[in-house]
Amino acid sequence: MSASQPSVKIARRIFWAQLLVCLVPSCSSVSGGTPRKAKGWQASLGSVPNSKITPRQLTKSINVRRSYIPRGRYGRRKYRPMKPTYITIHSTQNYTGDAWAHAKALRRGALRGGTIGYLCWHFTVQEDVAVQHIPTSERGEHADFDGPGNRKSIAIEMCEHRGNSQARTLDRTAKLTASLMYHHKIPLSHVVPHYHWPRKGYSTPHKNCPHYLLENGRPGATWAWFRHRIGQHYKRIAV
């Protein structure tokens, strides 16, 4: 017994040392490293400039175009004022429709659902434009029925149609989010994915959305990268 004890202790030490070597790199890749997808987007976009920009210049660079749902119709058939305290990021998961196609569908009441009978949100963004569907002072139907996601947040949908640059769409969305943060005094901590708002009655209450910014259906390193880029655009704003 006494002769075998040292070898057992050595074997245990080797086991725990090997386990530690395996665990440490994986932890750093999730919490400290940049995910592969984000590295690709970063390489395509480059770093956010350090130079200051006025709120008006930032708004102009976003290229917002209004295509409002008619007042009193479909998603706006009832006037529901809102003072936003959050910004919710979505992705369309529609691989054929661009921002203008979504605007047309909302204006015609083609997208049914929500507590009012029709879906609606505030902006749809693609690589070259951000189309606005309802004023940011009105509530949308995009997240959690009658929950705080709908009652308190501005909704941004990111396009996924073929031929659209995902990287440029992400950056335009980051700029739009930074601008909305500034104008509505919303902190970066209140910029959340659709996943953030649970949906009552669903077997999977937290939706995997925006799916390509989540890891295994949950916010992780990729979402952290995107929110950091939003913060960089926000810091550029010269007050």
C-alpha atoms as a PDB file:
ATOM      1  CA  MET A   1       0.000   0.000   0.000  1.00  0.00           C
ATOM      2  CA  SER A   2       2.655   2.533   1.033  1.00  0.00           C
ATOM      3  CA  ALA A   3       4.679   1.833  -2.102  1.00  0.00           C
ATOM      4  CA  SER A   4       1.684   2.427  -4.421  1.00  0.00           C
ATOM      5  CA  GLN A   5       0.432   5.672  -2.839  1.00  0.00           C
ATOM      6  CA  PRO A   6       3.022   8.016  -4.488  1.00  0.00           C
ATOM      7  CA  SER A   7       2.196   6.669  -7.934  1.00  0.00           C
ATOM      8  CA  VAL A   8      -1.542   7.208  -7.312  1.00  0.00           C
ATOM      9  CA  LYS A   9      -0.900  10.801  -6.182  1.00  0.00           C
ATOM     10  CA  ILE A  10       1.267  11.471  -9.240  1.00  0.00           C
ATOM     11  CA  ALA A  11      -1.399  10.044 -11.543  1.00  0.00           C
ATOM     12  CA  ARG A  12      -4.022  12.286  -9.940  1.00  0.00           C
ATOM     13  CA  ARG A  13      -1.817  15.351 -10.338  1.00  0.00           C
ATOM     14  CA  ILE A  14      -1.236  14.544 -14.012  1.00  0.00           C
ATOM     15  CA  PHE A  15      -5.006  14.094 -14.541  1.00  0.00           C
ATOM     16  CA  TRP A  16      -5.892  17.460 -12.991  1.00  0.00           C
ATOM     17  CA  ALA A  17      -3.048  19.229 -14.831  1.00  0.00           C
ATOM     18  CA  GLN A  18      -4.253  17.830 -18.172  1.00  0.00           C
ATOM     19  CA  LEU A  19      -7.844  18.805 -17.374  1.00  0.00           C
ATOM     20  CA  LEU A  20      -6.762  22.347 -16.537  1.00  0.00           C
ATOM     21  CA  VAL A  21      -4.868  22.646 -19.828  1.00  0.00           C
ATOM     22  CA  CYS A  22      -8.033  21.608 -21.692  1.00  0.00           C
ATOM     23  CA  LEU A  23     -10.321  23.977 -19.817  1.00  0.00           C
ATOM     24  CA  VAL A  24      -8.318  27.189 -19.860  1.00  0.00           C
ATOM     25  CA  PRO A  25      -8.076  27.677 -23.658  1.00  0.00           C
ATOM     26  CA  SER A  26     -11.793  26.948 -24.142  1.00  0.00           C
ATOM     27  CA  CYS A  27     -12.736  29.514 -21.511  1.00  0.00           C
ATOM     28  CA  SER A  28     -10.552  32.180 -23.065  1.00  0.00           C
ATOM     29  CA  SER A  29     -11.976  31.514 -26.516  1.00  0.00           C
ATOM     30  CA  VAL A  30     -15.506  32.165 -25.250  1.00  0.00           C
ATOM     31  CA  SER A  31     -15.025  35.068 -22.853  1.00  0.00           C
ATOM     32  CA  GLY A  32     -11.892  36.787 -24.110  1.00  0.00           C
ATOM     33  CA  GLY A  33     -11.421  35.805 -27.730  1.00  0.00           C
ATOM     34  CA  THR A  34     -13.168  37.051 -30.849  1.00  0.00           C
ATOM     35  CA  PRO A  35     -15.437  34.430 -32.467  1.00  0.00           C
ATOM     36  CA  ARG A  36     -14.626  33.334 -36.013  1.00  0.00           C
ATOM     37  CA  LYS A  37     -17.772  34.965 -37.467  1.00  0.00           C
ATOM     38  CA  ALA A  38     -16.971  38.258 -35.787  1.00  0.00           C
ATOM     39  CA  LYS A  39     -13.375  38.118 -37.028  1.00  0.00           C
ATOM     40  CA  GLY A  40     -14.698  37.834 -40.575  1.00  0.00           C
ATOM     41  CA  TRP A  41     -17.038  40.797 -40.121  1.00  0.00           C
ATOM     42  CA  GLN A  42     -14.273  42.813 -38.478  1.00  0.00           C
ATOM     43  CA  ALA A  43     -11.905  42.074 -41.357  1.00  0.00           C
ATOM     44  CA  SER A  44     -14.546  43.195 -43.845  1.00  0.00           C
ATOM     45  CA  LEU A  45     -15.516  46.374 -41.983  1.00  0.00           C
ATOM     46  CA  GLY A  46     -12.301  47.458 -40.307  1.00  0.00           C
ATOM     47  CA  SER A  47     -12.230  49.216 -36.955  1.00  0.00           C
ATOM     48  CA  VAL A  48     -14.687  51.954 -36.014  1.00  0.00           C
ATOM     49  CA  PRO A  49     -12.902  55.308 -36.531  1.00  0.00           C
ATOM     50  CA  ASN A  50     -11.807  57.282 -33.472  1.00  0.00           C
ATOM     51  CA  SER A  51     -12.782  60.627 -34.988  1.00  0.00           C
ATOM     52  CA  LYS A  52     -15.778  62.439 -33.513  1.00  0.00           C
ATOM     53  CA  ILE A  53     -19.049  62.832 -35.386  1.00  0.00           C
ATOM     54  CA  THR A  54     -22.116  64.971 -34.732  1.00  0.00           C
ATOM     55  CA  PRO A  55     -25.508  63.335 -34.123  1.00  0.00           C
ATOM     56  CA  ARG A  56     -26.718  64.791 -37.428  1.00  0.00           C
ATOM     57  CA  GLN A  57     -23.739  63.378 -39.346  1.00  0.00           C
ATOM     58  CA  LEU A  58     -24.307  59.967 -37.793  1.00  0.00           C
ATOM     59  CA  THR A  59     -27.999  60.021 -38.742  1.00  0.00           C
ATOM     60  CA  LYS A  60     -27.105  60.976 -42.310  1.00  0.00           C
ATOM     61  CA  SER A  61     -24.615  58.113 -42.593  1.00  0.00           C
ATOM     62  CA  ILE A  62     -27.298  55.606 -41.574  1.00  0.00           C
ATOM     63  CA  ASN A  63     -29.551  56.556 -44.530  1.00  0.00           C
ATOM     64  CA  VAL A  64     -32.935  56.238 -42.825  1.00  0.00           C
ATOM     65  CA  ARG A  65     -35.915  56.196 -45.184  1.00  0.00           C
ATOM     66  CA  ARG A  66     -39.508  56.354 -43.935  1.00  0.00           C
ATOM     67  CA  SER A  67     -42.145  53.967 -45.223  1.00  0.00           C
ATOM     68  CA  TYR A  68     -44.765  54.208 -42.497  1.00  0.00           C
ATOM     69  CA  ILE A  69     -47.673  51.869 -41.940  1.00  0.00           C
ATOM     70  CA  PRO A  70     -50.747  54.078 -42.464  1.00  0.00           C
ATOM     71  CA  ARG A  71     -51.987  55.657 -39.255  1.00  0.00           C
ATOM     72  CA  GLY A  72     -55.064  53.836 -37.975  1.00  0.00           C
ATOM     73  CA  ARG A  73     -54.364  50.706 -40.064  1.00  0.00           C
ATOM     74  CA  TYR A  74     -52.946  47.249 -39.330  1.00  0.00           C
ATOM     75  CA  GLY A  75     -50.086  47.489 -36.793  1.00  0.00           C
ATOM     76  CA  ARG A  76     -51.048  51.120 -36.122  1.00  0.00           C
ATOM     77  CA  ARG A  77     -54.813  50.654 -36.017  1.00  0.00           C
ATOM     78  CA  LYS A  78     -54.700  51.750 -32.379  1.00  0.00           C
ATOM     79  CA  TYR A  79     -52.560  54.621 -31.175  1.00  0.00           C
ATOM     80  CA  ARG A  80     -50.295  53.209 -28.469  1.00  0.00           C
ATOM     81  CA  PRO A  81     -47.734  55.762 -27.285  1.00  0.00           C
ATOM     82  CA  MET A  82     -44.393  54.542 -25.958  1.00  0.00           C
ATOM     83  CA  LYS A  83     -41.441  56.022 -24.137  1.00  0.00           C
ATOM     84  CA  PRO A  84     -38.655  53.615 -25.122  1.00  0.00           C
ATOM     85  CA  THR A  85     -36.132  52.446 -22.549  1.00  0.00           C
ATOM     86  CA  TYR A  86     -34.702  49.477 -24.507  1.00  0.00           C
ATOM     87  CA  ILE A  87     -33.608  48.646 -28.049  1.00  0.00           C
ATOM     88  CA  THR A  88     -34.296  45.107 -29.271  1.00  0.00           C
ATOM     89  CA  ILE A  89     -32.255  43.573 -32.100  1.00  0.00           C
ATOM     90  CA  HIS A  90     -33.833  40.960 -34.395  1.00  0.00           C
ATOM     91  CA  SER A  91     -32.971  39.203 -37.648  1.00  0.00           C
ATOM     92  CA  THR A  92     -35.637  38.529 -40.264  1.00  0.00           C
ATOM     93  CA  GLN A  93     -34.702  34.909 -41.147  1.00  0.00           C
ATOM     94  CA  ASN A  94     -36.285  35.772 -44.493  1.00  0.00           C
ATOM     95  CA  TYR A  95     -33.840  34.890 -47.246  1.00  0.00           C
ATOM     96  CA  THR A  96     -35.825  36.438 -50.120  1.00  0.00           C
ATOM     97  CA  GLY A  97     -37.257  39.722 -48.784  1.00  0.00           C
ATOM     98  CA  ASP A  98     -35.251  42.942 -48.522  1.00  0.00           C
ATOM     99  CA  ALA A  99     -36.053  45.947 -46.304  1.00  0.00           C
ATOM    100  CA  TRP A 100     -38.476  47.404 -48.847  1.00  0.00           C
ATOM    101  CA  ALA A 101     -40.335  44.093 -49.177  1.00  0.00           C
ATOM    102  CA  HIS A 102     -40.814  44.024 -45.403  1.00  0.00           C
ATOM    103  CA  ALA A 103     -42.042  47.621 -45.491  1.00  0.00           C
ATOM    104  CA  LYS A 104     -44.586  46.699 -48.176  1.00  0.00           C
ATOM    105  CA  ALA A 105     -45.797  43.686 -46.170  1.00  0.00           C
ATOM    106  CA  LEU A 106     -46.278  45.790 -43.040  1.00  0.00           C
ATOM    107  CA  ARG A 107     -48.109  48.540 -44.948  1.00  0.00           C
ATOM    108  CA  ARG A 108     -50.500  45.961 -46.402  1.00  0.00           C
ATOM    109  CA  GLY A 109     -51.107  44.131 -43.116  1.00  0.00           C
ATOM    110  CA  ALA A 110     -49.656  40.912 -44.506  1.00  0.00           C
ATOM    111  CA  LEU A 111     -47.896  39.866 -41.292  1.00  0.00           C
ATOM    112  CA  ARG A 112     -50.426  38.714 -38.723  1.00  0.00           C
ATOM    113  CA  GLY A 113     -49.890  38.174 -34.993  1.00  0.00           C
ATOM    114  CA  GLY A 114     -49.300  39.951 -31.722  1.00  0.00           C
ATOM    115  CA  THR A 115     -51.865  41.420 -29.365  1.00  0.00           C
ATOM    116  CA  ILE A 116     -53.239  43.808 -31.982  1.00  0.00           C
ATOM    117  CA  GLY A 117     -53.581  41.192 -34.724  1.00  0.00           C
ATOM    118  CA  TYR A 118     -50.694  42.464 -36.856  1.00  0.00           C
ATOM    119  CA  LEU A 119     -46.939  42.418 -36.450  1.00  0.00           C
ATOM    120  CA  CYS A 120     -45.033  45.697 -36.639  1.00  0.00           C
ATOM    121  CA  TRP A 121     -41.627  47.002 -35.690  1.00  0.00           C
ATOM    122  CA  HIS A 122     -39.688  50.227 -36.051  1.00  0.00           C
ATOM    123  CA  PHE A 123     -36.808  49.653 -38.506  1.00  0.00           C
ATOM    124  CA  THR A 124     -35.626  47.093 -41.040  1.00  0.00           C
ATOM    125  CA  VAL A 125     -31.947  47.407 -41.936  1.00  0.00           C
ATOM    126  CA  GLN A 126     -29.957  46.108 -44.879  1.00  0.00           C
ATOM    127  CA  GLU A 127     -26.500  46.899 -46.215  1.00  0.00           C
ATOM    128  CA  ASP A 128     -27.409  50.265 -47.755  1.00  0.00           C
ATOM    129  CA  VAL A 129     -30.507  51.583 -45.962  1.00  0.00           C
ATOM    130  CA  ALA A 130     -32.571  51.554 -42.755  1.00  0.00           C
ATOM    131  CA  VAL A 131     -36.298  51.656 -43.523  1.00  0.00           C
ATOM    132  CA  GLN A 132     -38.532  53.007 -40.745  1.00  0.00           C
ATOM    133  CA  HIS A 133     -42.071  51.609 -40.409  1.00  0.00           C
ATOM    134  CA  ILE A 134     -43.512  53.321 -37.307  1.00  0.00           C
ATOM    135  CA  PRO A 135     -42.405  56.256 -35.137  1.00  0.00           C
ATOM    136  CA  THR A 136     -40.154  55.418 -32.181  1.00  0.00           C
ATOM    137  CA  SER A 137     -42.781  57.030 -29.951  1.00  0.00           C
ATOM    138  CA  GLU A 138     -45.254  54.244 -30.773  1.00  0.00           C
ATOM    139  CA  ARG A 139     -45.296  50.681 -29.528  1.00  0.00           C
ATOM    140  CA  GLY A 140     -44.608  47.767 -31.855  1.00  0.00           C
ATOM    141  CA  GLU A 141     -45.520  44.049 -31.959  1.00  0.00           C
ATOM    142  CA  HIS A 142     -42.277  42.119 -32.303  1.00  0.00           C
ATOM    143  CA  ALA A 143     -41.089  40.491 -29.076  1.00  0.00           C
ATOM    144  CA  ASP A 144     -43.266  39.289 -26.182  1.00  0.00           C
ATOM    145  CA  PHE A 145     -46.947  40.066 -26.749  1.00  0.00           C
ATOM    146  CA  ASP A 146     -48.001  42.412 -23.915  1.00  0.00           C
ATOM    147  CA  GLY A 147     -44.613  42.226 -22.166  1.00  0.00           C
ATOM    148  CA  PRO A 148     -41.977  44.928 -21.676  1.00  0.00           C
ATOM    149  CA  GLY A 149     -40.172  44.011 -24.893  1.00  0.00           C
ATOM    150  CA  ASN A 150     -43.106  45.317 -26.906  1.00  0.00           C
ATOM    151  CA  ARG A 151     -44.205  48.015 -24.474  1.00  0.00           C
ATOM    152  CA  LYS A 152     -40.795  49.593 -23.872  1.00  0.00           C
ATOM    153  CA  SER A 153     -38.408  48.828 -26.724  1.00  0.00           C
ATOM    154  CA  ILE A 154     -37.547  50.078 -30.194  1.00  0.00           C
ATOM    155  CA  ALA A 155     -37.288  47.106 -32.553  1.00  0.00           C
ATOM    156  CA  ILE A 156     -34.682  46.737 -35.298  1.00  0.00           C
ATOM    157  CA  GLU A 157     -34.860  43.859 -37.791  1.00  0.00           C
ATOM    158  CA  MET A 158     -31.729  42.967 -39.778  1.00  0.00           C
ATOM    159  CA  CYS A 159     -32.221  41.632 -43.315  1.00  0.00           C
ATOM    160  CA  GLU A 160     -30.852  38.259 -44.411  1.00  0.00           C
ATOM    161  CA  HIS A 161     -31.845  38.143 -48.089  1.00  0.00           C
ATOM    162  CA  ARG A 162     -29.390  36.686 -50.581  1.00  0.00           C
ATOM    163  CA  GLY A 163     -26.828  39.135 -51.929  1.00  0.00           C
ATOM    164  CA  ASN A 164     -27.093  41.407 -48.901  1.00  0.00           C
ATOM    165  CA  SER A 165     -23.830  42.008 -47.023  1.00  0.00           C
ATOM    166  CA  GLN A 166     -24.211  40.699 -43.496  1.00  0.00           C
ATOM    167  CA  ALA A 167     -21.200  42.680 -42.271  1.00  0.00           C
ATOM    168  CA  ARG A 168     -22.430  46.021 -43.648  1.00  0.00           C
ATOM    169  CA  THR A 169     -25.934  45.316 -42.344  1.00  0.00           C
ATOM    170  CA  LEU A 170     -24.505  44.722 -38.879  1.00  0.00           C
ATOM    171  CA  ASP A 171     -22.493  47.928 -38.975  1.00  0.00           C
ATOM    172  CA  ARG A 172     -25.442  50.011 -40.208  1.00  0.00           C
ATOM    173  CA  THR A 173     -27.530  48.492 -37.408  1.00  0.00           C
ATOM    174  CA  ALA A 174     -24.804  49.341 -34.892  1.00  0.00           C
ATOM    175  CA  LYS A 175     -24.802  52.965 -36.094  1.00  0.00           C
ATOM    176  CA  LEU A 176     -28.604  53.174 -35.950  1.00  0.00           C
ATOM    177  CA  THR A 177     -28.610  51.707 -32.454  1.00  0.00           C
ATOM    178  CA  ALA A 178     -25.976  54.205 -31.285  1.00  0.00           C
ATOM    179  CA  SER A 179     -28.030  57.071 -32.717  1.00  0.00           C
ATOM    180  CA  LEU A 180     -31.203  55.842 -31.001  1.00  0.00           C
ATOM    181  CA  MET A 181     -29.289  55.459 -27.724  1.00  0.00           C
ATOM    182  CA  TYR A 182     -28.222  59.079 -27.980  1.00  0.00           C
ATOM    183  CA  HIS A 183     -31.625  60.538 -28.893  1.00  0.00           C
ATOM    184  CA  HIS A 184     -33.606  58.475 -26.370  1.00  0.00           C
ATOM    185  CA  LYS A 185     -30.984  58.358 -23.592  1.00  0.00           C
ATOM    186  CA  ILE A 186     -30.883  54.562 -23.614  1.00  0.00           C
ATOM    187  CA  PRO A 187     -27.798  52.910 -22.054  1.00  0.00           C
ATOM    188  CA  LEU A 188     -25.825  50.215 -23.860  1.00  0.00           C
ATOM    189  CA  SER A 189     -26.883  47.738 -21.158  1.00  0.00           C
ATOM    190  CA  HIS A 190     -30.454  48.139 -22.460  1.00  0.00           C
ATOM    191  CA  VAL A 191     -29.550  47.043 -25.989  1.00  0.00           C
ATOM    192  CA  VAL A 192     -30.725  43.435 -26.057  1.00  0.00           C
ATOM    193  CA  PRO A 193     -31.401  40.587 -28.490  1.00  0.00           C
ATOM    194  CA  HIS A 194     -34.932  39.307 -29.065  1.00  0.00           C
ATOM    195  CA  TYR A 195     -33.801  36.340 -26.947  1.00  0.00           C
ATOM    196  CA  HIS A 196     -33.897  38.638 -23.898  1.00  0.00           C
ATOM    197  CA  TRP A 197     -37.712  38.784 -23.826  1.00  0.00           C
ATOM    198  CA  PRO A 198     -39.421  35.481 -22.856  1.00  0.00           C
ATOM    199  CA  ARG A 199     -42.667  34.625 -24.628  1.00  0.00           C
ATOM    200  CA  LYS A 200     -45.348  33.183 -22.362  1.00  0.00           C
ATOM    201  CA  GLY A 201     -46.971  29.983 -23.562  1.00  0.00           C
ATOM    202  CA  TYR A 202     -44.074  28.850 -25.768  1.00  0.00           C
ATOM    203  CA  SER A 203     -42.188  25.614 -25.086  1.00  0.00           C
ATOM    204  CA  THR A 204     -38.999  27.581 -25.878  1.00  0.00           C
ATOM    205  CA  PRO A 205     -39.816  31.005 -24.412  1.00  0.00           C
ATOM    206  CA  HIS A 206     -36.463  32.574 -25.364  1.00  0.00           C
ATOM    207  CA  LYS A 207     -36.304  32.794 -29.153  1.00  0.00           C
ATOM    208  CA  ASN A 208     -33.023  32.112 -30.959  1.00  0.00           C
ATOM    209  CA  CYS A 209     -32.972  35.594 -32.456  1.00  0.00           C
ATOM    210  CA  PRO A 210     -30.948  37.182 -33.936  1.00  0.00           C
ATOM    211  CA  HIS A 211     -29.694  33.659 -34.560  1.00  0.00           C
ATOM    212  CA  TYR A 212     -26.329  34.501 -36.151  1.00  0.00           C
ATOM    213  CA  LEU A 213     -25.352  36.734 -33.209  1.00  0.00           C
ATOM    214  CA  LEU A 214     -26.026  34.017 -30.615  1.00  0.00           C
ATOM    215  CA  GLU A 215     -24.108  30.910 -29.541  1.00  0.00           C
ATOM    216  CA  ASN A 216     -26.256  27.784 -29.310  1.00  0.00           C
ATOM    217  CA  GLY A 217     -29.307  30.003 -29.130  1.00  0.00           C
ATOM    218  CA  ARG A 218     -27.999  32.216 -26.327  1.00  0.00           C
ATOM    219  CA  PRO A 219     -26.035  35.488 -26.111  1.00  0.00           C
ATOM    220  CA  GLY A 220     -22.297  34.906 -25.900  1.00  0.00           C
ATOM    221  CA  ALA A 221     -19.057  36.161 -27.403  1.00  0.00           C
ATOM    222  CA  THR A 222     -20.558  37.076 -30.793  1.00  0.00           C
ATOM    223  CA  TRP A 223     -23.282  39.195 -29.193  1.00  0.00           C
ATOM    224  CA  ALA A 224     -20.628  40.815 -26.967  1.00  0.00           C
ATOM    225  CA  TRP A 225     -18.601  41.730 -30.071  1.00  0.00           C
ATOM    226  CA  PHE A 226     -21.622  43.324 -31.730  1.00  0.00           C
ATOM    227  CA  ARG A 227     -22.614  45.301 -28.650  1.00  0.00           C
ATOM    228  CA  HIS A 228     -19.026  46.492 -28.266  1.00  0.00           C
ATOM    229  CA  ARG A 229     -19.140  47.835 -31.838  1.00  0.00           C
ATOM    230  CA  ILE A 230     -22.356  49.692 -31.001  1.00  0.00           C
ATOM    231  CA  GLY A 231     -20.561  51.233 -28.019  1.00  0.00           C
ATOM    232  CA  GLN A 232     -17.665  52.322 -30.226  1.00  0.00           C
ATOM    233  CA  HIS A 233     -20.036  54.129 -32.602  1.00  0.00           C
ATOM    234  CA  TYR A 234     -21.786  55.725 -29.635  1.00  0.00           C
ATOM    235  CA  LYS A 235     -18.490  57.032 -28.203  1.00  0.00           C
ATOM    236  CA  ARG A 236     -17.834  58.855 -31.472  1.00  0.00           C
ATOM    237  CA  ILE A 237     -20.851  61.129 -30.984  1.00  0.00           C
ATOM    238  CA  ALA A 238     -19.728  64.643 -30.168  1.00  0.00           C
ATOM    239  CA  VAL A 239     -22.195  66.212 -27.748  1.00  0.00           C
END
